[in-house]
Amino acid sequence: IGGSYMILDARDVCKTYGSLEVLKGVSLSLNRSEICGLIGPNGAGKSTLFRILLGLVSRDSGTLEIHSQASKPLGGIIEKPALYGDLSAFENLRVFSRIQGLQLSGADIEAQLLQVGLSPSRKDPVRNFSMGMKQRLGLAIALLNEPECVILDEPFSGLDPMGIRTLQDEIRELAKSRGIGILISSHNLVELGDLCDRLYVINQGEIVREGPARDILQQAAQSYVIYGTGLESSATLSKADVEHRTGSVLVHLGEDSIHTILQRLSAEPGVVLTACVPQTNLTALFEKTPE
């Protein structure tokens, strides 16, 4: 439906509140089974855009097409999930399923909880839950009625590193196993860099960069951490601007590209490379790319 597998296509979306231009001609698309990231500093327009995509706020101009035959094309969490704190996870899901016109059996509700990694046997009120568990319950609610696209606004905020990793794994699994398109926002690059197929960078209401996640991260990288053995005695690195660490070096790029440096290192006897990680400069990332 809709050409290839595109599910969501927003073009030139504008939104103004009073004299404040919050979105200035934003265009963004999402395919089925794809995880797309929207990254930008606080106040860049991420939440406003997501509210418009979910139909919670009207746009001033621009077009929005959703290519889906599903009864609920889009599901989402905007900011923190609004849960009934006095009810259990099971009871929360039952209430939200009825609000959405679903008649789910107890077994159906348990299956919904299990798919986001929550135990159906837990009967205590969700006010006792950790932030990570609340985010997972919010995700289960967003997935009611089997939407083909899920929009998650800052889902990692307030989570510890283990909680972030777990939620990332669940999001990957949803995209892969159920073919859901997932659009996810953050102001933290580390959280999105590993997870997303494509990234959009938004700043002051404009998309300033877009492309494959790896390319975007590399465009804004001015230094790299190279891991391996034999690096401390490398002739290539002796000519470069580097800081030696245990088992790795931080390389600041000069004349040579990272590709050239890695090629030279690979050719050196006694050097074995294991990884190369770009150190993204957020200031550079959020700057508008020259036309």
C-alpha atoms as a PDB file:
ATOM      1  CA  ILE A   1       0.000   0.000   0.000  1.00  0.00           C
ATOM      2  CA  GLY A   2       1.332   3.461  -0.726  1.00  0.00           C
ATOM      3  CA  GLY A   3       4.263   2.691  -3.015  1.00  0.00           C
ATOM      4  CA  SER A   4       6.922   0.679  -1.223  1.00  0.00           C
ATOM      5  CA  TYR A   5       6.377  -0.095   2.440  1.00  0.00           C
ATOM      6  CA  MET A   6       5.928   3.486   3.579  1.00  0.00           C
ATOM      7  CA  ILE A   7       3.379   3.831   6.355  1.00  0.00           C
ATOM      8  CA  LEU A   8       3.722   7.472   7.357  1.00  0.00           C
ATOM      9  CA  ASP A   9       4.595  10.465   5.207  1.00  0.00           C
ATOM     10  CA  ALA A  10       4.596  14.031   6.570  1.00  0.00           C
ATOM     11  CA  ARG A  11       5.481  16.897   4.210  1.00  0.00           C
ATOM     12  CA  ASP A  12       6.238  20.555   5.007  1.00  0.00           C
ATOM     13  CA  VAL A  13       4.427  20.496   8.353  1.00  0.00           C
ATOM     14  CA  CYS A  14       4.257  23.929  10.019  1.00  0.00           C
ATOM     15  CA  LYS A  15       2.962  24.895  13.461  1.00  0.00           C
ATOM     16  CA  THR A  16       2.963  28.294  15.147  1.00  0.00           C
ATOM     17  CA  TYR A  17       1.873  29.185  18.674  1.00  0.00           C
ATOM     18  CA  GLY A  18       1.349  32.954  18.826  1.00  0.00           C
ATOM     19  CA  SER A  19       4.524  34.458  17.406  1.00  0.00           C
ATOM     20  CA  LEU A  20       6.577  31.294  18.053  1.00  0.00           C
ATOM     21  CA  GLU A  21       7.260  29.107  15.010  1.00  0.00           C
ATOM     22  CA  VAL A  22       7.536  25.645  16.565  1.00  0.00           C
ATOM     23  CA  LEU A  23       7.742  23.669  13.292  1.00  0.00           C
ATOM     24  CA  LYS A  24       9.016  25.208  10.055  1.00  0.00           C
ATOM     25  CA  GLY A  25       8.237  22.953   7.099  1.00  0.00           C
ATOM     26  CA  VAL A  26       9.174  19.605   8.622  1.00  0.00           C
ATOM     27  CA  SER A  27       9.138  16.536   6.342  1.00  0.00           C
ATOM     28  CA  LEU A  28       9.550  12.998   7.637  1.00  0.00           C
ATOM     29  CA  SER A  29       8.644   9.466   6.521  1.00  0.00           C
ATOM     30  CA  LEU A  30       8.595   5.998   8.087  1.00  0.00           C
ATOM     31  CA  ASN A  31       8.470   2.519   6.559  1.00  0.00           C
ATOM     32  CA  ARG A  32       7.114  -0.714   8.000  1.00  0.00           C
ATOM     33  CA  SER A  33       9.665  -2.715  10.052  1.00  0.00           C
ATOM     34  CA  GLU A  34      11.861   0.397  10.249  1.00  0.00           C
ATOM     35  CA  ILE A  35      13.096   2.126  13.402  1.00  0.00           C
ATOM     36  CA  CYS A  36      13.507   5.838  12.769  1.00  0.00           C
ATOM     37  CA  GLY A  37      14.971   8.234  15.299  1.00  0.00           C
ATOM     38  CA  LEU A  38      14.204  11.923  15.791  1.00  0.00           C
ATOM     39  CA  ILE A  39      16.941  13.610  17.777  1.00  0.00           C
ATOM     40  CA  GLY A  40      17.266  17.211  18.839  1.00  0.00           C
ATOM     41  CA  PRO A  41      17.872  19.413  21.851  1.00  0.00           C
ATOM     42  CA  ASN A  42      15.038  20.127  24.305  1.00  0.00           C
ATOM     43  CA  GLY A  43      12.562  22.571  22.778  1.00  0.00           C
ATOM     44  CA  ALA A  44      13.460  21.633  19.175  1.00  0.00           C
ATOM     45  CA  GLY A  45       9.852  20.675  18.292  1.00  0.00           C
ATOM     46  CA  LYS A  46       9.950  16.878  18.749  1.00  0.00           C
ATOM     47  CA  SER A  47       6.882  16.530  20.995  1.00  0.00           C
ATOM     48  CA  THR A  48       4.803  18.989  18.932  1.00  0.00           C
ATOM     49  CA  LEU A  49       5.579  17.023  15.764  1.00  0.00           C
ATOM     50  CA  PHE A  50       4.624  13.747  17.448  1.00  0.00           C
ATOM     51  CA  ARG A  51       1.347  15.227  18.713  1.00  0.00           C
ATOM     52  CA  ILE A  52       0.520  16.311  15.161  1.00  0.00           C
ATOM     53  CA  LEU A  53       1.354  12.854  13.753  1.00  0.00           C
ATOM     54  CA  LEU A  54      -0.909  11.224  16.354  1.00  0.00           C
ATOM     55  CA  GLY A  55      -3.749  13.666  15.609  1.00  0.00           C
ATOM     56  CA  LEU A  56      -3.658  15.269  19.093  1.00  0.00           C
ATOM     57  CA  VAL A  57      -2.780  18.726  17.711  1.00  0.00           C
ATOM     58  CA  SER A  58      -3.712  20.234  14.339  1.00  0.00           C
ATOM     59  CA  ARG A  59      -1.032  21.435  11.925  1.00  0.00           C
ATOM     60  CA  ASP A  60      -1.213  24.930  10.403  1.00  0.00           C
ATOM     61  CA  SER A  61      -0.097  23.714   6.963  1.00  0.00           C
ATOM     62  CA  GLY A  62       1.580  20.783   5.238  1.00  0.00           C
ATOM     63  CA  THR A  63       0.316  17.271   4.482  1.00  0.00           C
ATOM     64  CA  LEU A  64       0.183  14.066   6.491  1.00  0.00           C
ATOM     65  CA  GLU A  65      -0.531  10.700   4.838  1.00  0.00           C
ATOM     66  CA  ILE A  66      -0.899   7.426   6.712  1.00  0.00           C
ATOM     67  CA  HIS A  67      -0.894   4.362   4.454  1.00  0.00           C
ATOM     68  CA  SER A  68      -2.664   1.761   6.561  1.00  0.00           C
ATOM     69  CA  GLN A  69      -5.819  -0.334   6.497  1.00  0.00           C
ATOM     70  CA  ALA A  70      -5.528  -1.153  10.217  1.00  0.00           C
ATOM     71  CA  SER A  71      -8.372  -0.183  12.565  1.00  0.00           C
ATOM     72  CA  LYS A  72      -5.755   1.720  14.595  1.00  0.00           C
ATOM     73  CA  PRO A  73      -2.903   2.760  12.267  1.00  0.00           C
ATOM     74  CA  LEU A  74      -0.850   4.585  14.915  1.00  0.00           C
ATOM     75  CA  GLY A  75      -0.180   3.967  18.589  1.00  0.00           C
ATOM     76  CA  GLY A  76       2.026   6.102  20.793  1.00  0.00           C
ATOM     77  CA  ILE A  77       3.322   7.398  24.079  1.00  0.00           C
ATOM     78  CA  ILE A  78       3.829  11.143  24.354  1.00  0.00           C
ATOM     79  CA  GLU A  79       6.023  11.998  27.340  1.00  0.00           C
ATOM     80  CA  LYS A  80       5.394   9.768  30.367  1.00  0.00           C
ATOM     81  CA  PRO A  81       2.656   7.140  29.977  1.00  0.00           C
ATOM     82  CA  ALA A  82      -0.557   8.207  31.773  1.00  0.00           C
ATOM     83  CA  LEU A  83      -1.379   5.169  33.920  1.00  0.00           C
ATOM     84  CA  TYR A  84      -3.879   4.445  36.681  1.00  0.00           C
ATOM     85  CA  GLY A  85      -1.501   4.272  39.643  1.00  0.00           C
ATOM     86  CA  ASP A  86      -3.917   2.423  41.955  1.00  0.00           C
ATOM     87  CA  LEU A  87      -4.544  -0.410  39.459  1.00  0.00           C
ATOM     88  CA  SER A  88      -2.320  -3.360  38.568  1.00  0.00           C
ATOM     89  CA  ALA A  89      -0.696  -3.666  35.136  1.00  0.00           C
ATOM     90  CA  PHE A  90      -3.350  -6.243  34.157  1.00  0.00           C
ATOM     91  CA  GLU A  91      -6.188  -3.926  35.263  1.00  0.00           C
ATOM     92  CA  ASN A  92      -4.617  -0.947  33.468  1.00  0.00           C
ATOM     93  CA  LEU A  93      -4.517  -2.891  30.226  1.00  0.00           C
ATOM     94  CA  ARG A  94      -8.108  -4.042  30.664  1.00  0.00           C
ATOM     95  CA  VAL A  95      -9.299  -0.432  31.181  1.00  0.00           C
ATOM     96  CA  PHE A  96      -7.322   0.917  28.198  1.00  0.00           C
ATOM     97  CA  SER A  97      -8.468  -1.945  25.946  1.00  0.00           C
ATOM     98  CA  ARG A  98     -12.118  -1.122  26.749  1.00  0.00           C
ATOM     99  CA  ILE A  99     -11.504   2.590  26.082  1.00  0.00           C
ATOM    100  CA  GLN A 100     -10.221   1.500  22.637  1.00  0.00           C
ATOM    101  CA  GLY A 101     -13.293  -0.672  22.055  1.00  0.00           C
ATOM    102  CA  LEU A 102     -11.553  -4.022  22.501  1.00  0.00           C
ATOM    103  CA  GLN A 103     -13.022  -7.066  24.252  1.00  0.00           C
ATOM    104  CA  LEU A 104      -9.858  -8.845  25.408  1.00  0.00           C
ATOM    105  CA  SER A 105      -9.897 -12.088  27.390  1.00  0.00           C
ATOM    106  CA  GLY A 106      -7.666 -12.522  30.441  1.00  0.00           C
ATOM    107  CA  ALA A 107      -5.330 -14.667  28.322  1.00  0.00           C
ATOM    108  CA  ASP A 108      -5.136 -11.897  25.683  1.00  0.00           C
ATOM    109  CA  ILE A 109      -4.175  -9.334  28.322  1.00  0.00           C
ATOM    110  CA  GLU A 110      -1.529 -11.650  29.793  1.00  0.00           C
ATOM    111  CA  ALA A 111      -0.079 -12.136  26.291  1.00  0.00           C
ATOM    112  CA  GLN A 112       0.073  -8.333  25.821  1.00  0.00           C
ATOM    113  CA  LEU A 113       2.001  -8.006  29.111  1.00  0.00           C
ATOM    114  CA  LEU A 114       4.392 -10.823  28.256  1.00  0.00           C
ATOM    115  CA  GLN A 115       5.246  -9.338  24.848  1.00  0.00           C
ATOM    116  CA  VAL A 116       6.706  -6.249  26.572  1.00  0.00           C
ATOM    117  CA  GLY A 117       8.472  -8.266  29.265  1.00  0.00           C
ATOM    118  CA  LEU A 118       6.040  -7.710  32.169  1.00  0.00           C
ATOM    119  CA  SER A 119       4.960 -10.553  34.456  1.00  0.00           C
ATOM    120  CA  PRO A 120       1.160 -11.134  34.441  1.00  0.00           C
ATOM    121  CA  SER A 121       1.457 -12.607  37.956  1.00  0.00           C
ATOM    122  CA  ARG A 122       2.327  -9.220  39.458  1.00  0.00           C
ATOM    123  CA  LYS A 123      -0.840  -7.896  41.116  1.00  0.00           C
ATOM    124  CA  ASP A 124       0.361  -4.779  42.974  1.00  0.00           C
ATOM    125  CA  PRO A 125      -0.541  -1.204  41.899  1.00  0.00           C
ATOM    126  CA  VAL A 126       1.603   0.264  39.120  1.00  0.00           C
ATOM    127  CA  ARG A 127       2.529   3.235  41.327  1.00  0.00           C
ATOM    128  CA  ASN A 128       5.054   0.752  42.837  1.00  0.00           C
ATOM    129  CA  PHE A 129       6.598   0.092  39.415  1.00  0.00           C
ATOM    130  CA  SER A 130      10.018   1.341  38.346  1.00  0.00           C
ATOM    131  CA  MET A 131      10.131   3.892  35.524  1.00  0.00           C
ATOM    132  CA  GLY A 132      11.257   1.125  33.154  1.00  0.00           C
ATOM    133  CA  MET A 133       8.258  -1.042  34.001  1.00  0.00           C
ATOM    134  CA  LYS A 134       5.899   1.914  33.529  1.00  0.00           C
ATOM    135  CA  GLN A 135       7.431   2.585  30.105  1.00  0.00           C
ATOM    136  CA  ARG A 136       6.895  -1.052  29.153  1.00  0.00           C
ATOM    137  CA  LEU A 137       3.278  -0.929  30.284  1.00  0.00           C
ATOM    138  CA  GLY A 138       2.857   2.280  28.251  1.00  0.00           C
ATOM    139  CA  LEU A 139       4.255   0.404  25.257  1.00  0.00           C
ATOM    140  CA  ALA A 140       1.770  -2.453  25.812  1.00  0.00           C
ATOM    141  CA  ILE A 141      -1.075   0.120  25.806  1.00  0.00           C
ATOM    142  CA  ALA A 142       0.292   1.726  22.612  1.00  0.00           C
ATOM    143  CA  LEU A 143       0.291  -1.733  20.988  1.00  0.00           C
ATOM    144  CA  LEU A 144      -3.390  -2.440  21.741  1.00  0.00           C
ATOM    145  CA  ASN A 145      -5.437  -2.896  18.560  1.00  0.00           C
ATOM    146  CA  GLU A 146      -2.252  -3.863  16.667  1.00  0.00           C
ATOM    147  CA  PRO A 147      -1.158  -0.546  15.140  1.00  0.00           C
ATOM    148  CA  GLU A 148       1.199  -0.670  12.150  1.00  0.00           C
ATOM    149  CA  CYS A 149       3.187   2.293  13.458  1.00  0.00           C
ATOM    150  CA  VAL A 150       4.209   3.226  17.008  1.00  0.00           C
ATOM    151  CA  ILE A 151       5.438   6.679  18.055  1.00  0.00           C
ATOM    152  CA  LEU A 152       7.515   6.882  21.244  1.00  0.00           C
ATOM    153  CA  ASP A 153       8.443  10.265  22.712  1.00  0.00           C
ATOM    154  CA  GLU A 154      11.549  10.110  24.941  1.00  0.00           C
ATOM    155  CA  PRO A 155      10.833   6.520  26.101  1.00  0.00           C
ATOM    156  CA  PHE A 156      14.260   6.154  27.749  1.00  0.00           C
ATOM    157  CA  SER A 157      14.025   9.173  30.054  1.00  0.00           C
ATOM    158  CA  GLY A 158      14.447   8.212  33.700  1.00  0.00           C
ATOM    159  CA  LEU A 159      15.704   4.688  32.892  1.00  0.00           C
ATOM    160  CA  ASP A 160      18.961   3.206  34.173  1.00  0.00           C
ATOM    161  CA  PRO A 161      21.410   1.682  31.620  1.00  0.00           C
ATOM    162  CA  MET A 162      19.944  -1.809  32.113  1.00  0.00           C
ATOM    163  CA  GLY A 163      16.388  -0.489  31.613  1.00  0.00           C
ATOM    164  CA  ILE A 164      17.463   1.331  28.440  1.00  0.00           C
ATOM    165  CA  ARG A 165      19.084  -1.832  27.042  1.00  0.00           C
ATOM    166  CA  THR A 166      15.992  -3.952  27.800  1.00  0.00           C
ATOM    167  CA  LEU A 167      13.599  -1.457  26.200  1.00  0.00           C
ATOM    168  CA  GLN A 168      15.865  -1.129  23.135  1.00  0.00           C
ATOM    169  CA  ASP A 169      15.759  -4.933  22.716  1.00  0.00           C
ATOM    170  CA  GLU A 170      11.953  -4.976  22.940  1.00  0.00           C
ATOM    171  CA  ILE A 171      11.641  -2.165  20.367  1.00  0.00           C
ATOM    172  CA  ARG A 172      13.975  -4.026  17.971  1.00  0.00           C
ATOM    173  CA  GLU A 173      11.960  -7.202  18.402  1.00  0.00           C
ATOM    174  CA  LEU A 174       8.643  -5.419  17.669  1.00  0.00           C
ATOM    175  CA  ALA A 175      10.001  -3.932  14.448  1.00  0.00           C
ATOM    176  CA  LYS A 176      11.515  -7.248  13.337  1.00  0.00           C
ATOM    177  CA  SER A 177       8.901  -9.810  14.388  1.00  0.00           C
ATOM    178  CA  ARG A 178       5.721  -7.795  13.836  1.00  0.00           C
ATOM    179  CA  GLY A 179       6.795  -5.482  11.019  1.00  0.00           C
ATOM    180  CA  ILE A 180       5.810  -2.379  12.993  1.00  0.00           C
ATOM    181  CA  GLY A 181       7.273   0.960  11.928  1.00  0.00           C
ATOM    182  CA  ILE A 182       8.673   2.702  15.015  1.00  0.00           C
ATOM    183  CA  LEU A 183       9.374   6.423  15.282  1.00  0.00           C
ATOM    184  CA  ILE A 184      11.246   7.315  18.444  1.00  0.00           C
ATOM    185  CA  SER A 185      12.547  10.606  19.821  1.00  0.00           C
ATOM    186  CA  SER A 186      15.343  11.411  22.214  1.00  0.00           C
ATOM    187  CA  HIS A 187      17.836  14.143  22.965  1.00  0.00           C
ATOM    188  CA  ASN A 188      20.398  11.416  23.768  1.00  0.00           C
ATOM    189  CA  LEU A 189      22.377  10.206  20.784  1.00  0.00           C
ATOM    190  CA  VAL A 190      23.781   7.108  22.480  1.00  0.00           C
ATOM    191  CA  GLU A 191      20.251   5.763  23.041  1.00  0.00           C
ATOM    192  CA  LEU A 192      19.292   6.187  19.378  1.00  0.00           C
ATOM    193  CA  GLY A 193      22.592   5.573  17.593  1.00  0.00           C
ATOM    194  CA  ASP A 194      22.612   1.788  18.070  1.00  0.00           C
ATOM    195  CA  LEU A 195      18.883   1.324  17.698  1.00  0.00           C
ATOM    196  CA  CYS A 196      17.787   3.233  14.611  1.00  0.00           C
ATOM    197  CA  ASP A 197      17.988   2.482  10.893  1.00  0.00           C
ATOM    198  CA  ARG A 198      17.584   6.160  10.007  1.00  0.00           C
ATOM    199  CA  LEU A 199      17.901   9.402  11.937  1.00  0.00           C
ATOM    200  CA  TYR A 200      16.327  12.817  11.564  1.00  0.00           C
ATOM    201  CA  VAL A 201      18.009  15.683  13.415  1.00  0.00           C
ATOM    202  CA  ILE A 202      15.660  18.532  14.384  1.00  0.00           C
ATOM    203  CA  ASN A 203      16.720  21.895  15.764  1.00  0.00           C
ATOM    204  CA  GLN A 204      14.623  25.067  16.230  1.00  0.00           C
ATOM    205  CA  GLY A 205      11.707  23.502  14.363  1.00  0.00           C
ATOM    206  CA  GLU A 206      13.665  22.451  11.253  1.00  0.00           C
ATOM    207  CA  ILE A 207      15.085  19.125  10.097  1.00  0.00           C
ATOM    208  CA  VAL A 208      18.797  19.937   9.777  1.00  0.00           C
ATOM    209  CA  ARG A 209      20.026  16.436   8.817  1.00  0.00           C
ATOM    210  CA  GLU A 210      18.543  13.117   7.769  1.00  0.00           C
ATOM    211  CA  GLY A 211      19.933   9.794   6.570  1.00  0.00           C
ATOM    212  CA  PRO A 212      21.149   6.361   7.681  1.00  0.00           C
ATOM    213  CA  ALA A 213      21.958   6.498  11.394  1.00  0.00           C
ATOM    214  CA  ARG A 214      25.592   5.475  10.902  1.00  0.00           C
ATOM    215  CA  ASP A 215      26.172   8.197   8.288  1.00  0.00           C
ATOM    216  CA  ILE A 216      24.623  10.901  10.466  1.00  0.00           C
ATOM    217  CA  LEU A 217      26.802   9.924  13.432  1.00  0.00           C
ATOM    218  CA  GLN A 218      29.922   9.927  11.291  1.00  0.00           C
ATOM    219  CA  GLN A 219      29.134  13.315   9.689  1.00  0.00           C
ATOM    220  CA  ALA A 220      29.235  14.907  13.115  1.00  0.00           C
ATOM    221  CA  ALA A 221      32.217  12.924  14.429  1.00  0.00           C
ATOM    222  CA  GLN A 222      35.485  14.777  14.787  1.00  0.00           C
ATOM    223  CA  SER A 223      37.216  12.070  16.782  1.00  0.00           C
ATOM    224  CA  TYR A 224      37.098   8.277  17.055  1.00  0.00           C
ATOM    225  CA  VAL A 225      38.016   5.713  19.677  1.00  0.00           C
ATOM    226  CA  ILE A 226      39.908   2.848  18.026  1.00  0.00           C
ATOM    227  CA  TYR A 227      40.180  -0.413  19.966  1.00  0.00           C
ATOM    228  CA  GLY A 228      42.772  -3.105  19.285  1.00  0.00           C
ATOM    229  CA  THR A 229      46.247  -4.452  20.077  1.00  0.00           C
ATOM    230  CA  GLY A 230      49.614  -3.099  18.953  1.00  0.00           C
ATOM    231  CA  LEU A 231      48.239   0.460  18.806  1.00  0.00           C
ATOM    232  CA  GLU A 232      50.767   1.952  21.251  1.00  0.00           C
ATOM    233  CA  SER A 233      53.701   1.222  18.885  1.00  0.00           C
ATOM    234  CA  SER A 234      51.883   2.015  15.595  1.00  0.00           C
ATOM    235  CA  ALA A 235      53.795   4.141  13.081  1.00  0.00           C
ATOM    236  CA  THR A 236      50.526   5.463  11.594  1.00  0.00           C
ATOM    237  CA  LEU A 237      49.311   6.734  14.972  1.00  0.00           C
ATOM    238  CA  SER A 238      52.691   8.292  15.823  1.00  0.00           C
ATOM    239  CA  LYS A 239      51.977  10.851  13.055  1.00  0.00           C
ATOM    240  CA  ALA A 240      48.367  11.514  14.139  1.00  0.00           C
ATOM    241  CA  ASP A 241      46.772  13.590  16.912  1.00  0.00           C
ATOM    242  CA  VAL A 242      45.999  10.801  19.394  1.00  0.00           C
ATOM    243  CA  GLU A 243      45.494  10.153  23.101  1.00  0.00           C
ATOM    244  CA  HIS A 244      46.598   6.667  24.152  1.00  0.00           C
ATOM    245  CA  ARG A 245      44.396   4.770  26.606  1.00  0.00           C
ATOM    246  CA  THR A 246      44.483   1.200  27.904  1.00  0.00           C
ATOM    247  CA  GLY A 247      43.566  -1.013  24.943  1.00  0.00           C
ATOM    248  CA  SER A 248      42.426   1.923  22.807  1.00  0.00           C
ATOM    249  CA  VAL A 249      43.348   5.305  21.361  1.00  0.00           C
ATOM    250  CA  LEU A 250      41.313   8.471  20.866  1.00  0.00           C
ATOM    251  CA  VAL A 251      42.120   9.840  17.401  1.00  0.00           C
ATOM    252  CA  HIS A 252      41.338  13.472  16.549  1.00  0.00           C
ATOM    253  CA  LEU A 253      40.925  13.809  12.801  1.00  0.00           C
ATOM    254  CA  GLY A 254      43.231  16.126  10.876  1.00  0.00           C
ATOM    255  CA  GLU A 255      44.051  15.911   7.173  1.00  0.00           C
ATOM    256  CA  ASP A 256      43.321  12.175   6.899  1.00  0.00           C
ATOM    257  CA  SER A 257      39.864  10.622   7.014  1.00  0.00           C
ATOM    258  CA  ILE A 258      39.103   7.858   9.521  1.00  0.00           C
ATOM    259  CA  HIS A 259      38.845   5.485   6.555  1.00  0.00           C
ATOM    260  CA  THR A 260      42.437   6.249   5.514  1.00  0.00           C
ATOM    261  CA  ILE A 261      43.744   5.868   9.081  1.00  0.00           C
ATOM    262  CA  LEU A 262      41.988   2.492   9.506  1.00  0.00           C
ATOM    263  CA  GLN A 263      43.344   1.242   6.156  1.00  0.00           C
ATOM    264  CA  ARG A 264      46.901   2.151   7.162  1.00  0.00           C
ATOM    265  CA  LEU A 265      46.499   0.565  10.584  1.00  0.00           C
ATOM    266  CA  SER A 266      45.115  -2.660   9.079  1.00  0.00           C
ATOM    267  CA  ALA A 267      48.202  -2.893   6.844  1.00  0.00           C
ATOM    268  CA  GLU A 268      50.633  -2.531   9.763  1.00  0.00           C
ATOM    269  CA  PRO A 269      52.192  -5.766  11.073  1.00  0.00           C
ATOM    270  CA  GLY A 270      51.430  -6.366  14.750  1.00  0.00           C
ATOM    271  CA  VAL A 271      48.265  -4.228  14.764  1.00  0.00           C
ATOM    272  CA  VAL A 272      44.902  -5.972  15.236  1.00  0.00           C
ATOM    273  CA  LEU A 273      41.795  -3.744  15.185  1.00  0.00           C
ATOM    274  CA  THR A 274      38.641  -4.785  17.079  1.00  0.00           C
ATOM    275  CA  ALA A 275      36.366  -1.715  16.931  1.00  0.00           C
ATOM    276  CA  CYS A 276      36.106   1.928  15.921  1.00  0.00           C
ATOM    277  CA  VAL A 277      33.518   4.152  17.611  1.00  0.00           C
ATOM    278  CA  PRO A 278      32.724   7.702  16.423  1.00  0.00           C
ATOM    279  CA  GLN A 279      32.647  10.379  19.128  1.00  0.00           C
ATOM    280  CA  THR A 280      29.855  12.617  17.910  1.00  0.00           C
ATOM    281  CA  ASN A 281      30.050  16.331  18.510  1.00  0.00           C
ATOM    282  CA  LEU A 282      26.477  17.361  19.385  1.00  0.00           C
ATOM    283  CA  THR A 283      27.087  21.002  18.521  1.00  0.00           C
ATOM    284  CA  ALA A 284      28.144  19.942  15.021  1.00  0.00           C
ATOM    285  CA  LEU A 285      25.261  17.459  14.775  1.00  0.00           C
ATOM    286  CA  PHE A 286      22.598  20.060  15.584  1.00  0.00           C
ATOM    287  CA  GLU A 287      23.996  22.695  13.212  1.00  0.00           C
ATOM    288  CA  LYS A 288      22.151  23.207   9.953  1.00  0.00           C
ATOM    289  CA  THR A 289      24.033  21.616   7.064  1.00  0.00           C
ATOM    290  CA  PRO A 290      25.018  24.128   4.355  1.00  0.00           C
ATOM    291  CA  GLU A 291      22.811  23.951   1.234  1.00  0.00           C
END
